[in-house]
């Protein structure tokens, strides 16, 4: 298992492999990982639609797909009659690199286009990845009509994801100005300090990529059971996230047992380690 995990986390695995049968689900880090047991987001559902209906990059962890469907349905219930949420790329079916992204490789990332409306407050379908200014307004190409972020519905979407029982949010990558609009709205609604703190903590304008002034990039954290089977990294382990399981400490006898089954014949190293732990002298080579 140690050897298999090393393969995955070092980037030696580009697809799921029988060499590492213990690794499954979201394996590795978001920018150097793979995916098994993926679920495909439907082309459309209550309150949402794929931005690229025919794309093959709509696979993710089943719990992420459930959370997206549930959050979109919650927005549709909260504000009936509004335009659907357009969902951008998730991951390929088996993970790995996809065009246009450095991450999105392990089924834990998804792009969510902003929910928008006219300046007069009429819900409009998103025209795509349009860059918004700090006041929440944007003028799409080849259009004479401004649109603005529907801050109420957008906050409800992100709120639903933050409170989802299916996922724990690692990051919501978005530019500072849009974050400020959303946080101000949340405070005006009287949202709890705990929820606002979580939102402020996970909303982040990236320093090593585009500003994300045209969409929200959601990343979910590894679940404790996923960490055991190969999920790793993607950001800090926030204090409200469930703790990872702690395995038992290895004894000198454990090292000796590992040495007897070592395919690389490193038994001498294991014997030396066991001797050091027991306080015995170690012979030279």
Protein backbone atom coordinates (compact mmCIF):
# COMPACT_ATOMS: atom_id res chain seq x y z
CA UNK A 1 0.00 0.00 0.00
CA UNK A 2 2.88 2.39 0.81
CA UNK A 3 4.46 1.64 -2.57
CA UNK A 4 1.13 2.15 -4.37
CA UNK A 5 0.43 5.44 -2.64
CA UNK A 6 3.90 6.64 -3.52
CA UNK A 7 3.24 5.89 -7.17
CA UNK A 8 0.01 7.84 -7.16
CA UNK A 9 1.22 10.88 -5.29
CA UNK A 10 4.42 11.15 -7.30
CA UNK A 11 2.42 11.37 -10.50
CA UNK A 12 3.54 7.97 -11.84
CA UNK A 13 -0.08 6.90 -12.36
CA UNK A 14 -1.96 8.46 -15.27
CA UNK A 15 -4.91 6.04 -15.17
CA UNK A 16 -6.35 3.68 -12.54
CA UNK A 17 -4.12 0.61 -12.34
CA UNK A 18 -4.23 -2.94 -10.92
CA UNK A 19 -0.75 -2.25 -9.52
CA UNK A 20 -2.47 -0.19 -6.83
CA UNK A 21 -5.78 -1.93 -6.07
CA UNK A 22 -6.17 -0.05 -2.79
CA UNK A 23 -6.34 3.31 -4.55
CA UNK A 24 -9.80 4.27 -5.72
CA UNK A 25 -12.14 7.22 -6.07
CA UNK A 26 -10.30 10.55 -6.11
CA UNK A 27 -6.62 9.59 -6.21
CA UNK A 28 -3.78 12.05 -5.79
CA UNK A 29 -3.91 15.85 -5.75
CA UNK A 30 -6.20 18.01 -7.94
CA UNK A 31 -3.43 18.96 -10.37
CA UNK A 32 -1.77 15.54 -10.48
CA UNK A 33 -4.43 12.92 -9.94
CA UNK A 34 -6.76 10.33 -11.43
CA UNK A 35 -10.32 9.21 -10.86
CA UNK A 36 -12.23 5.94 -10.51
CA UNK A 37 -15.88 5.20 -9.71
CA UNK A 38 -16.90 8.51 -11.27
CA UNK A 39 -20.45 9.69 -11.79
CA UNK A 40 -21.55 11.80 -14.75
CA UNK A 41 -23.52 15.00 -14.23
CA UNK A 42 -26.72 14.84 -16.30
CA UNK A 43 -27.04 17.17 -19.27
CA UNK A 44 -29.75 19.07 -17.41
CA UNK A 45 -31.81 18.84 -14.26
CA UNK A 46 -33.85 20.96 -11.89
CA UNK A 47 -32.21 24.38 -11.86
CA UNK A 48 -29.07 23.51 -13.87
CA UNK A 49 -27.73 22.62 -17.31
CA UNK A 50 -24.33 21.76 -18.69
CA UNK A 51 -22.59 24.68 -20.35
CA UNK A 52 -21.10 22.23 -22.88
CA UNK A 53 -23.79 19.56 -23.30
CA UNK A 54 -21.72 17.20 -25.48
CA UNK A 55 -18.46 17.43 -23.51
CA UNK A 56 -16.98 14.31 -21.90
CA UNK A 57 -15.61 16.36 -19.00
CA UNK A 58 -18.61 16.11 -16.72
CA UNK A 59 -17.49 13.33 -14.38
CA UNK A 60 -16.80 13.73 -10.69
CA UNK A 61 -17.05 12.07 -7.34
CA UNK A 62 -20.66 10.91 -6.84
CA UNK A 63 -21.02 13.09 -3.76
CA UNK A 64 -19.97 16.18 -5.74
CA UNK A 65 -22.55 15.44 -8.44
CA UNK A 66 -25.23 14.98 -5.76
CA UNK A 67 -24.27 18.27 -4.11
CA UNK A 68 -24.46 20.17 -7.41
CA UNK A 69 -27.88 18.75 -8.23
CA UNK A 70 -29.17 19.50 -4.74
CA UNK A 71 -27.77 23.05 -4.63
CA UNK A 72 -29.20 23.92 -8.06
CA UNK A 73 -32.60 22.55 -7.02
CA UNK A 74 -32.42 24.59 -3.82
CA UNK A 75 -31.85 27.79 -5.82
CA UNK A 76 -34.77 26.93 -8.11
CA UNK A 77 -37.00 26.49 -5.07
CA UNK A 78 -35.70 29.63 -3.37
CA UNK A 79 -36.25 31.81 -6.47
CA UNK A 80 -38.65 30.05 -8.87
CA UNK A 81 -38.64 30.98 -12.53
CA UNK A 82 -34.99 31.98 -12.74
CA UNK A 83 -32.57 30.94 -15.46
CA UNK A 84 -30.66 27.73 -14.76
CA UNK A 85 -27.17 27.44 -13.35
CA UNK A 86 -24.73 26.65 -16.15
CA UNK A 87 -22.12 24.15 -15.03
CA UNK A 88 -18.68 24.14 -16.64
CA UNK A 89 -16.07 21.40 -16.63
CA UNK A 90 -15.68 18.79 -13.91
CA UNK A 91 -13.21 16.02 -14.84
CA UNK A 92 -12.70 13.31 -17.46
CA UNK A 93 -14.15 9.88 -16.65
CA UNK A 94 -10.82 8.51 -15.43
CA UNK A 95 -9.37 11.86 -14.41
CA UNK A 96 -6.05 13.19 -15.60
CA UNK A 97 -5.31 16.33 -17.56
CA UNK A 98 -8.05 18.03 -19.58
CA UNK A 99 -7.61 20.97 -21.94
CA UNK A 100 -7.81 24.41 -20.41
CA UNK A 101 -7.15 23.37 -16.81
CA UNK A 102 -4.21 22.71 -14.55
CA UNK A 103 -6.43 21.04 -11.97
CA UNK A 104 -9.79 19.23 -12.51
CA UNK A 105 -7.87 15.92 -12.60
CA UNK A 106 -9.30 13.96 -9.68
CA UNK A 107 -13.05 14.55 -9.67
CA UNK A 108 -13.09 17.24 -6.96
CA UNK A 109 -13.23 20.42 -9.08
CA UNK A 110 -16.03 22.09 -11.03
CA UNK A 111 -16.56 25.48 -12.71
CA UNK A 112 -19.85 27.26 -12.01
CA UNK A 113 -20.84 30.17 -14.22
CA UNK A 114 -22.38 33.12 -12.41
CA UNK A 115 -26.13 33.37 -12.11
CA UNK A 116 -27.03 36.65 -13.80
CA UNK A 117 -29.87 39.05 -14.45
CA UNK A 118 -30.59 42.29 -16.28
CA UNK A 119 -29.92 45.61 -14.51
CA UNK A 120 -33.69 45.80 -14.00
CA UNK A 121 -33.65 42.53 -12.05
CA UNK A 122 -34.95 40.06 -14.68
CA UNK A 123 -33.19 36.69 -14.55
CA UNK A 124 -31.16 35.93 -17.68
CA UNK A 125 -29.30 32.81 -18.89
CA UNK A 126 -25.56 33.20 -18.50
CA UNK A 127 -23.92 34.20 -21.80
CA UNK A 128 -20.82 32.24 -20.85
CA UNK A 129 -17.49 33.10 -19.25
CA UNK A 130 -17.96 36.87 -19.13
CA UNK A 131 -15.69 39.02 -16.96
CA UNK A 132 -17.53 41.09 -14.36
CA UNK A 133 -16.38 44.37 -12.86
CA UNK A 134 -16.26 45.18 -9.16
CA UNK A 135 -19.81 46.56 -9.23
CA UNK A 136 -21.12 43.22 -10.48
CA UNK A 137 -21.83 44.49 -14.01
CA UNK A 138 -20.59 43.10 -17.32
CA UNK A 139 -21.11 43.87 -20.99
CA UNK A 140 -20.93 40.63 -23.02
CA UNK A 141 -19.23 40.75 -26.41
CA UNK A 142 -21.51 41.58 -29.35
CA UNK A 143 -24.15 42.87 -26.94
CA UNK A 144 -25.45 46.32 -26.12
CA UNK A 145 -27.13 45.18 -22.93
CA UNK A 146 -25.39 44.98 -19.59
CA UNK A 147 -25.95 42.10 -17.22
CA UNK A 148 -25.15 41.86 -13.54
CA UNK A 149 -24.55 39.08 -11.08
CA UNK A 150 -27.74 37.94 -9.40
CA UNK A 151 -26.17 38.28 -5.97
CA UNK A 152 -29.13 36.85 -4.07
CA UNK A 153 -29.35 33.65 -6.13
CA UNK A 154 -25.56 33.34 -6.35
CA UNK A 155 -25.22 33.57 -2.59
CA UNK A 156 -28.00 30.99 -2.15
CA UNK A 157 -26.13 28.63 -4.47
CA UNK A 158 -22.84 28.96 -2.59
CA UNK A 159 -24.64 28.83 0.75
CA UNK A 160 -26.28 25.55 -0.27
CA UNK A 161 -22.90 24.10 -1.22
CA UNK A 162 -21.29 25.26 2.03
CA UNK A 163 -24.08 23.60 4.02
CA UNK A 164 -24.34 20.47 1.87
CA UNK A 165 -24.28 17.17 3.79
CA UNK A 166 -22.59 15.51 0.81
CA UNK A 167 -19.43 17.60 0.53
CA UNK A 168 -16.99 19.73 2.48
CA UNK A 169 -15.85 22.79 0.55
CA UNK A 170 -12.09 23.23 0.23
CA UNK A 171 -12.09 26.36 -1.91
CA UNK A 172 -14.39 28.61 -3.90
CA UNK A 173 -11.97 30.41 -6.22
CA UNK A 174 -13.42 33.81 -7.15
CA UNK A 175 -12.09 37.36 -7.48
CA UNK A 176 -11.98 39.70 -4.47
CA UNK A 177 -14.65 42.07 -5.77
CA UNK A 178 -17.27 39.38 -6.33
CA UNK A 179 -16.44 37.85 -2.96
CA UNK A 180 -17.09 41.24 -1.35
CA UNK A 181 -20.50 41.52 -3.05
CA UNK A 182 -21.50 38.07 -1.83
CA UNK A 183 -20.24 38.50 1.73
CA UNK A 184 -21.93 41.90 2.07
CA UNK A 185 -25.18 40.32 0.90
CA UNK A 186 -24.81 37.43 3.35
CA UNK A 187 -24.29 39.83 6.25
CA UNK A 188 -27.28 41.93 5.15
CA UNK A 189 -29.41 38.77 5.24
CA UNK A 190 -28.31 38.11 8.83
CA UNK A 191 -26.45 34.89 8.08
CA UNK A 192 -24.65 33.38 11.05
CA UNK A 193 -21.13 34.50 11.85
CA UNK A 194 -19.97 30.90 11.52
CA UNK A 195 -21.33 30.55 7.99
CA UNK A 196 -19.96 33.94 6.90
CA UNK A 197 -16.55 33.03 8.33
CA UNK A 198 -16.53 29.77 6.40
CA UNK A 199 -17.49 31.58 3.21
CA UNK A 200 -14.78 34.22 3.69
CA UNK A 201 -12.23 31.52 4.44
CA UNK A 202 -12.85 29.33 1.40
CA UNK A 203 -13.38 32.18 -1.11
CA UNK A 204 -10.00 32.95 -2.61
CA UNK A 205 -8.70 34.86 -5.61
CA UNK A 206 -5.89 32.69 -7.01
CA UNK A 207 -2.43 34.20 -7.22
CA UNK A 208 -1.13 31.72 -9.80
CA UNK A 209 -3.92 31.73 -12.40
CA UNK A 210 -6.70 33.92 -13.81
CA UNK A 211 -8.66 36.09 -11.35
CA UNK A 212 -11.89 34.10 -11.65
CA UNK A 213 -14.00 37.17 -12.33
CA UNK A 214 -16.10 35.16 -14.80
CA UNK A 215 -17.05 32.10 -12.72
CA UNK A 216 -16.63 30.31 -9.40
CA UNK A 217 -14.28 27.34 -9.30
CA UNK A 218 -15.47 24.98 -6.58
CA UNK A 219 -13.11 22.41 -5.05
CA UNK A 220 -14.24 19.91 -2.45
CA UNK A 221 -12.03 18.48 0.27
CA UNK A 222 -11.07 14.83 0.61
CA UNK A 223 -13.46 12.91 2.83
CA UNK A 224 -11.73 10.93 5.63
CA UNK A 225 -12.50 7.61 3.96
CA UNK A 226 -11.13 8.93 0.64
CA UNK A 227 -7.84 9.93 2.26
CA UNK A 228 -7.28 6.29 3.17
CA UNK A 229 -7.75 5.23 -0.47
CA UNK A 230 -5.50 7.80 -2.11
CA UNK A 231 -7.14 11.26 -2.03
CA UNK A 232 -4.67 13.97 -1.13
CA UNK A 233 -4.03 17.71 -1.01
CA UNK A 234 -5.88 20.56 -2.62
CA UNK A 235 -5.60 23.04 0.23
CA UNK A 236 -5.53 23.43 4.02
CA UNK A 237 -7.46 21.10 6.30
CA UNK A 238 -9.86 23.71 7.73
CA UNK A 239 -10.69 23.34 11.41
CA UNK A 240 -14.34 22.51 10.74
CA UNK A 241 -13.54 19.61 8.38
CA UNK A 242 -13.82 16.06 9.75
CA UNK A 243 -10.53 14.66 10.98
CA UNK A 244 -8.62 12.04 9.03
CA UNK A 245 -8.41 8.58 10.63
CA UNK A 246 -5.22 7.92 12.56
CA UNK A 247 -3.56 4.60 11.89
CA UNK A 248 -1.68 2.54 14.47
CA UNK A 249 2.01 3.18 15.08
CA UNK A 250 4.41 0.66 13.56
CA UNK A 251 6.45 -1.45 15.94
CA UNK A 252 9.84 -3.04 15.37
CA UNK A 253 8.03 -6.32 14.63
CA UNK A 254 5.90 -4.56 12.00
CA UNK A 255 9.06 -3.38 10.23
CA UNK A 256 10.46 -6.89 10.35
CA UNK A 257 7.26 -8.31 8.88
CA UNK A 258 7.35 -5.73 6.10
CA UNK A 259 10.96 -6.62 5.35
CA UNK A 260 10.11 -10.30 4.85
CA UNK A 261 7.55 -9.36 2.17
CA UNK A 262 9.57 -6.54 0.60
CA UNK A 263 9.74 -6.97 -3.21
CA UNK A 264 12.76 -4.67 -3.36
CA UNK A 265 14.78 -6.74 -0.90
CA UNK A 266 15.23 -3.88 1.54
CA UNK A 267 15.21 -6.23 4.51
CA UNK A 268 18.57 -4.95 5.66
CA UNK A 269 17.18 -1.44 6.01
CA UNK A 270 14.17 -2.74 7.94
CA UNK A 271 16.39 -4.83 10.25
CA UNK A 272 18.51 -1.78 10.94
CA UNK A 273 15.42 0.30 11.68
CA UNK A 274 14.04 -2.35 14.00
CA UNK A 275 17.37 -2.64 15.80
CA UNK A 276 17.60 1.11 16.28
CA UNK A 277 14.10 1.21 17.71
CA UNK A 278 14.88 -1.61 20.11
CA UNK A 279 18.18 -0.07 21.17
CA UNK A 280 20.36 -2.86 19.79
CA UNK A 281 23.64 -2.22 18.01
CA UNK A 282 23.56 -2.37 14.23
CA UNK A 283 26.29 -4.19 12.34
CA UNK A 284 27.93 -2.46 9.44
CA UNK A 285 27.43 -3.61 5.83
